[in-house]
Amino acid sequence: NQLITEDHIDELASLLNDPHPQIRVQVREWLLIASKTDELLPSVILAMQAAIVSDQWRMQEQAMHIAVALDQKQVAVDIVKLLRSKRNEVIATSGWALRRLAATDVLAPILEYCTSLKTAFESEQLDDDTRFAVNEQVAHLFQMFGQMKYEESMPLMHRFIRKNALVRYRVRASAVWAAGL
């Protein structure tokens, strides 16, 4: 990592898919350190963009962390596509990343996505394998709507504010918080 050059960024970025979480996180940190130099920043951004659109969930997860750290709002469109991932790590991280990036150009598709889930939430029809991650994801997205004062989301927020024993506390609390903002 001390000898990182432009030629080594892609090789290093390939390790974002390592099966060991500690290695993935360490590689992410090295790429972020490399991005602090003007000559390596464009290569790190290109590697991050490629990782987000890859079919490797580990790379996608780590690349979203890099995108947030570097405030790369242009990848928000690609992250919206990851909202429907089958991997819990990507599901939850995509909501977090979109909230942190706060890109206005993806608000409408995110609202459409959240609206498509309302029936599943209200009748407890979420997939058992992804229920926790989807709850976490939607809580982040609702918080994003509040932070960005996205008025178009208010009818959906009001629907989730109503007491419903099947809607998880974190999602309802996020809707209340967002509407309050």
C-alpha atoms as a PDB file:
ATOM      1  CA  ASN A   1       0.000   0.000   0.000  1.00  0.00           C
ATOM      2  CA  GLN A   2       2.980   2.343   0.404  1.00  0.00           C
ATOM      3  CA  LEU A   3       3.941   1.905  -3.249  1.00  0.00           C
ATOM      4  CA  ILE A   4       0.519   2.419  -4.809  1.00  0.00           C
ATOM      5  CA  THR A   5       0.692   3.772  -8.316  1.00  0.00           C
ATOM      6  CA  GLU A   6      -1.968   4.399 -10.913  1.00  0.00           C
ATOM      7  CA  ASP A   7      -1.166   1.009 -12.455  1.00  0.00           C
ATOM      8  CA  HIS A   8      -1.844  -0.788  -9.164  1.00  0.00           C
ATOM      9  CA  ILE A   9      -5.247   0.717  -8.296  1.00  0.00           C
ATOM     10  CA  ASP A  10      -7.273  -1.875 -10.242  1.00  0.00           C
ATOM     11  CA  GLU A  11      -5.238  -4.722  -8.786  1.00  0.00           C
ATOM     12  CA  LEU A  12      -5.750  -3.367  -5.290  1.00  0.00           C
ATOM     13  CA  ALA A  13      -9.465  -2.714  -5.952  1.00  0.00           C
ATOM     14  CA  SER A  14      -9.923  -6.370  -6.948  1.00  0.00           C
ATOM     15  CA  LEU A  15      -9.221  -7.227  -3.306  1.00  0.00           C
ATOM     16  CA  LEU A  16     -12.438  -5.437  -2.330  1.00  0.00           C
ATOM     17  CA  ASN A  17     -13.966  -8.818  -3.205  1.00  0.00           C
ATOM     18  CA  ASP A  18     -11.794 -10.779  -0.777  1.00  0.00           C
ATOM     19  CA  PRO A  19     -13.797 -13.273   1.309  1.00  0.00           C
ATOM     20  CA  HIS A  20     -12.239 -11.913   4.523  1.00  0.00           C
ATOM     21  CA  PRO A  21     -14.029  -8.766   5.779  1.00  0.00           C
ATOM     22  CA  GLN A  22     -10.908  -7.393   7.474  1.00  0.00           C
ATOM     23  CA  ILE A  23      -8.990  -7.463   4.201  1.00  0.00           C
ATOM     24  CA  ARG A  24     -11.826  -5.755   2.328  1.00  0.00           C
ATOM     25  CA  VAL A  25     -11.986  -2.968   4.897  1.00  0.00           C
ATOM     26  CA  GLN A  26      -8.192  -2.553   4.899  1.00  0.00           C
ATOM     27  CA  VAL A  27      -8.119  -2.331   1.092  1.00  0.00           C
ATOM     28  CA  ARG A  28     -10.922   0.228   1.197  1.00  0.00           C
ATOM     29  CA  GLU A  29      -8.877   2.324   3.630  1.00  0.00           C
ATOM     30  CA  TRP A  30      -5.781   2.069   1.425  1.00  0.00           C
ATOM     31  CA  LEU A  31      -7.791   3.223  -1.590  1.00  0.00           C
ATOM     32  CA  LEU A  32      -9.119   6.158   0.400  1.00  0.00           C
ATOM     33  CA  ILE A  33      -5.572   7.086   1.425  1.00  0.00           C
ATOM     34  CA  ALA A  34      -4.487   6.828  -2.215  1.00  0.00           C
ATOM     35  CA  SER A  35      -7.395   9.066  -3.247  1.00  0.00           C
ATOM     36  CA  LYS A  36      -5.897  11.920  -1.250  1.00  0.00           C
ATOM     37  CA  THR A  37      -3.278  12.411  -3.953  1.00  0.00           C
ATOM     38  CA  ASP A  38      -4.363  14.303  -7.056  1.00  0.00           C
ATOM     39  CA  GLU A  39      -2.716  11.807  -9.396  1.00  0.00           C
ATOM     40  CA  LEU A  40      -4.457   8.737  -7.921  1.00  0.00           C
ATOM     41  CA  LEU A  41      -7.917  10.170  -7.197  1.00  0.00           C
ATOM     42  CA  PRO A  42      -9.279   9.660 -10.755  1.00  0.00           C
ATOM     43  CA  SER A  43      -8.124   6.022 -10.774  1.00  0.00           C
ATOM     44  CA  VAL A  44      -9.706   5.357  -7.383  1.00  0.00           C
ATOM     45  CA  ILE A  45     -12.984   6.908  -8.565  1.00  0.00           C
ATOM     46  CA  LEU A  46     -12.970   4.770 -11.729  1.00  0.00           C
ATOM     47  CA  ALA A  47     -12.261   1.624  -9.699  1.00  0.00           C
ATOM     48  CA  MET A  48     -15.061   2.520  -7.253  1.00  0.00           C
ATOM     49  CA  GLN A  49     -17.526   3.086 -10.097  1.00  0.00           C
ATOM     50  CA  ALA A  50     -16.594  -0.234 -11.692  1.00  0.00           C
ATOM     51  CA  ALA A  51     -17.013  -2.033  -8.359  1.00  0.00           C
ATOM     52  CA  ILE A  52     -20.505  -0.606  -7.806  1.00  0.00           C
ATOM     53  CA  VAL A  53     -21.755  -1.868 -11.176  1.00  0.00           C
ATOM     54  CA  SER A  54     -19.986  -5.215 -10.841  1.00  0.00           C
ATOM     55  CA  ASP A  55     -21.865  -8.379  -9.946  1.00  0.00           C
ATOM     56  CA  GLN A  56     -19.744  -8.941  -6.832  1.00  0.00           C
ATOM     57  CA  TRP A  57     -21.652  -8.037  -3.678  1.00  0.00           C
ATOM     58  CA  ARG A  58     -18.511  -7.572  -1.576  1.00  0.00           C
ATOM     59  CA  MET A  59     -17.101  -5.073  -4.058  1.00  0.00           C
ATOM     60  CA  GLN A  60     -20.445  -3.270  -4.253  1.00  0.00           C
ATOM     61  CA  GLU A  61     -20.616  -2.889  -0.475  1.00  0.00           C
ATOM     62  CA  GLN A  62     -17.072  -1.570  -0.121  1.00  0.00           C
ATOM     63  CA  ALA A  63     -17.400   0.699  -3.170  1.00  0.00           C
ATOM     64  CA  MET A  64     -20.473   2.360  -1.639  1.00  0.00           C
ATOM     65  CA  HIS A  65     -18.397   3.193   1.436  1.00  0.00           C
ATOM     66  CA  ILE A  66     -15.735   4.701  -0.823  1.00  0.00           C
ATOM     67  CA  ALA A  67     -18.363   6.678  -2.770  1.00  0.00           C
ATOM     68  CA  VAL A  68     -19.686   8.186   0.454  1.00  0.00           C
ATOM     69  CA  ALA A  69     -16.205   8.980   1.772  1.00  0.00           C
ATOM     70  CA  LEU A  70     -15.343  10.738  -1.500  1.00  0.00           C
ATOM     71  CA  ASP A  71     -18.832  12.316  -1.869  1.00  0.00           C
ATOM     72  CA  GLN A  72     -19.310  10.879  -5.359  1.00  0.00           C
ATOM     73  CA  LYS A  73     -22.973  11.721  -5.951  1.00  0.00           C
ATOM     74  CA  GLN A  74     -22.807  10.624  -9.602  1.00  0.00           C
ATOM     75  CA  VAL A  75     -22.936   6.950  -8.565  1.00  0.00           C
ATOM     76  CA  ALA A  76     -26.265   7.394  -6.766  1.00  0.00           C
ATOM     77  CA  VAL A  77     -28.095   6.271  -9.926  1.00  0.00           C
ATOM     78  CA  ASP A  78     -26.173   2.990  -9.853  1.00  0.00           C
ATOM     79  CA  ILE A  79     -26.736   2.583  -6.119  1.00  0.00           C
ATOM     80  CA  VAL A  80     -30.508   2.919  -6.624  1.00  0.00           C
ATOM     81  CA  LYS A  81     -30.278  -0.247  -8.730  1.00  0.00           C
ATOM     82  CA  LEU A  82     -28.690  -2.016  -5.752  1.00  0.00           C
ATOM     83  CA  LEU A  83     -31.719  -1.324  -3.527  1.00  0.00           C
ATOM     84  CA  ARG A  84     -33.247  -4.567  -4.848  1.00  0.00           C
ATOM     85  CA  SER A  85     -30.148  -6.687  -4.251  1.00  0.00           C
ATOM     86  CA  LYS A  86     -30.490 -10.195  -2.823  1.00  0.00           C
ATOM     87  CA  ARG A  87     -27.583  -9.662  -0.405  1.00  0.00           C
ATOM     88  CA  ASN A  88     -28.393  -8.189   3.017  1.00  0.00           C
ATOM     89  CA  GLU A  89     -25.070  -6.372   3.152  1.00  0.00           C
ATOM     90  CA  VAL A  90     -25.808  -4.548  -0.102  1.00  0.00           C
ATOM     91  CA  ILE A  91     -29.459  -3.910   0.785  1.00  0.00           C
ATOM     92  CA  ALA A  92     -28.672  -2.106   4.035  1.00  0.00           C
ATOM     93  CA  THR A  93     -25.559  -0.341   2.748  1.00  0.00           C
ATOM     94  CA  SER A  94     -27.378   0.997  -0.312  1.00  0.00           C
ATOM     95  CA  GLY A  95     -29.934   2.793   1.881  1.00  0.00           C
ATOM     96  CA  TRP A  96     -27.187   4.185   4.088  1.00  0.00           C
ATOM     97  CA  ALA A  97     -25.105   5.324   1.105  1.00  0.00           C
ATOM     98  CA  LEU A  98     -28.011   7.061  -0.611  1.00  0.00           C
ATOM     99  CA  ARG A  99     -28.875   8.889   2.617  1.00  0.00           C
ATOM    100  CA  ARG A 100     -25.296  10.041   3.038  1.00  0.00           C
ATOM    101  CA  LEU A 101     -24.840  11.051  -0.622  1.00  0.00           C
ATOM    102  CA  ALA A 102     -28.133  13.013  -0.643  1.00  0.00           C
ATOM    103  CA  ALA A 103     -28.310  13.206  -4.441  1.00  0.00           C
ATOM    104  CA  THR A 104     -31.437  15.078  -5.519  1.00  0.00           C
ATOM    105  CA  ASP A 105     -31.629  13.447  -8.948  1.00  0.00           C
ATOM    106  CA  VAL A 106     -32.554  10.047  -7.474  1.00  0.00           C
ATOM    107  CA  LEU A 107     -35.254  11.122  -5.027  1.00  0.00           C
ATOM    108  CA  ALA A 108     -38.153  10.227  -7.336  1.00  0.00           C
ATOM    109  CA  PRO A 109     -36.943   6.675  -8.121  1.00  0.00           C
ATOM    110  CA  ILE A 110     -36.214   6.077  -4.434  1.00  0.00           C
ATOM    111  CA  LEU A 111     -39.703   7.243  -3.488  1.00  0.00           C
ATOM    112  CA  GLU A 112     -41.139   4.947  -6.152  1.00  0.00           C
ATOM    113  CA  TYR A 113     -39.127   2.044  -4.702  1.00  0.00           C
ATOM    114  CA  CYS A 114     -40.253   2.775  -1.121  1.00  0.00           C
ATOM    115  CA  THR A 115     -43.868   3.117  -2.255  1.00  0.00           C
ATOM    116  CA  SER A 116     -43.646  -0.287  -3.942  1.00  0.00           C
ATOM    117  CA  LEU A 117     -42.809  -1.806  -0.545  1.00  0.00           C
ATOM    118  CA  LYS A 118     -45.684  -0.313   1.467  1.00  0.00           C
ATOM    119  CA  THR A 119     -48.039  -3.281   1.015  1.00  0.00           C
ATOM    120  CA  ALA A 120     -45.295  -5.745   1.938  1.00  0.00           C
ATOM    121  CA  PHE A 121     -44.547  -3.735   5.084  1.00  0.00           C
ATOM    122  CA  GLU A 122     -48.165  -3.296   6.107  1.00  0.00           C
ATOM    123  CA  SER A 123     -48.977  -6.980   5.761  1.00  0.00           C
ATOM    124  CA  GLU A 124     -45.640  -8.445   6.900  1.00  0.00           C
ATOM    125  CA  GLN A 125     -44.888  -9.979   3.508  1.00  0.00           C
ATOM    126  CA  LEU A 126     -41.204  -9.131   3.413  1.00  0.00           C
ATOM    127  CA  ASP A 127     -38.899 -12.015   2.553  1.00  0.00           C
ATOM    128  CA  ASP A 128     -37.717 -13.691   5.768  1.00  0.00           C
ATOM    129  CA  ASP A 129     -34.092 -13.734   4.620  1.00  0.00           C
ATOM    130  CA  THR A 130     -33.932  -9.990   3.921  1.00  0.00           C
ATOM    131  CA  ARG A 131     -36.506  -8.548   6.355  1.00  0.00           C
ATOM    132  CA  PHE A 132     -34.000  -6.968   8.759  1.00  0.00           C
ATOM    133  CA  ALA A 133     -31.866  -5.492   5.968  1.00  0.00           C
ATOM    134  CA  VAL A 134     -34.888  -4.049   4.135  1.00  0.00           C
ATOM    135  CA  ASN A 135     -36.132  -2.489   7.378  1.00  0.00           C
ATOM    136  CA  GLU A 136     -32.714  -0.922   7.922  1.00  0.00           C
ATOM    137  CA  GLN A 137     -32.564   0.248   4.306  1.00  0.00           C
ATOM    138  CA  VAL A 138     -36.014   1.853   4.316  1.00  0.00           C
ATOM    139  CA  ALA A 139     -35.314   3.555   7.647  1.00  0.00           C
ATOM    140  CA  HIS A 140     -32.256   5.200   6.055  1.00  0.00           C
ATOM    141  CA  LEU A 141     -34.233   6.192   2.968  1.00  0.00           C
ATOM    142  CA  PHE A 142     -37.011   7.743   5.075  1.00  0.00           C
ATOM    143  CA  GLN A 143     -34.386   9.692   7.021  1.00  0.00           C
ATOM    144  CA  MET A 144     -32.950  10.877   3.700  1.00  0.00           C
ATOM    145  CA  PHE A 145     -36.377  12.172   2.652  1.00  0.00           C
ATOM    146  CA  GLY A 146     -36.577  14.141   5.890  1.00  0.00           C
ATOM    147  CA  GLN A 147     -33.031  15.484   5.706  1.00  0.00           C
ATOM    148  CA  MET A 148     -33.588  16.611   2.130  1.00  0.00           C
ATOM    149  CA  LYS A 149     -37.052  17.971   2.942  1.00  0.00           C
ATOM    150  CA  TYR A 150     -38.533  15.993   0.070  1.00  0.00           C
ATOM    151  CA  GLU A 151     -42.164  17.069   0.203  1.00  0.00           C
ATOM    152  CA  GLU A 152     -43.351  14.467  -2.303  1.00  0.00           C
ATOM    153  CA  SER A 153     -42.568  11.762   0.260  1.00  0.00           C
ATOM    154  CA  MET A 154     -45.002  13.112   2.861  1.00  0.00           C
ATOM    155  CA  PRO A 155     -48.025  10.973   1.853  1.00  0.00           C
ATOM    156  CA  LEU A 156     -45.852   7.870   2.232  1.00  0.00           C
ATOM    157  CA  MET A 157     -44.389   9.112   5.533  1.00  0.00           C
ATOM    158  CA  HIS A 158     -47.913   9.713   6.889  1.00  0.00           C
ATOM    159  CA  ARG A 159     -48.920   6.206   5.882  1.00  0.00           C
ATOM    160  CA  PHE A 160     -46.017   4.760   7.887  1.00  0.00           C
ATOM    161  CA  ILE A 161     -46.611   7.078  10.848  1.00  0.00           C
ATOM    162  CA  ARG A 162     -50.010   5.518  11.513  1.00  0.00           C
ATOM    163  CA  LYS A 163     -49.880   2.822  14.142  1.00  0.00           C
ATOM    164  CA  ASN A 164     -49.591  -0.591  12.598  1.00  0.00           C
ATOM    165  CA  ALA A 165     -48.224  -3.445  14.682  1.00  0.00           C
ATOM    166  CA  LEU A 166     -46.735  -5.045  11.564  1.00  0.00           C
ATOM    167  CA  VAL A 167     -44.517  -2.053  10.710  1.00  0.00           C
ATOM    168  CA  ARG A 168     -41.233  -2.291  12.557  1.00  0.00           C
ATOM    169  CA  TYR A 169     -40.380   0.393  15.118  1.00  0.00           C
ATOM    170  CA  ARG A 170     -37.272   1.677  13.306  1.00  0.00           C
ATOM    171  CA  VAL A 171     -39.147   2.268  10.046  1.00  0.00           C
ATOM    172  CA  ARG A 172     -42.053   4.003  11.798  1.00  0.00           C
ATOM    173  CA  ALA A 173     -39.690   6.100  13.934  1.00  0.00           C
ATOM    174  CA  SER A 174     -37.780   7.154  10.812  1.00  0.00           C
ATOM    175  CA  ALA A 175     -41.042   8.186   9.126  1.00  0.00           C
ATOM    176  CA  VAL A 176     -42.043  10.232  12.194  1.00  0.00           C
ATOM    177  CA  TRP A 177     -38.597  11.854  12.330  1.00  0.00           C
ATOM    178  CA  ALA A 178     -38.623  12.627   8.592  1.00  0.00           C
ATOM    179  CA  ALA A 179     -42.095  14.146   8.717  1.00  0.00           C
ATOM    180  CA  GLY A 180     -41.019  16.246  11.683  1.00  0.00           C
ATOM    181  CA  LEU A 181     -38.182  17.739   9.678  1.00  0.00           C
END
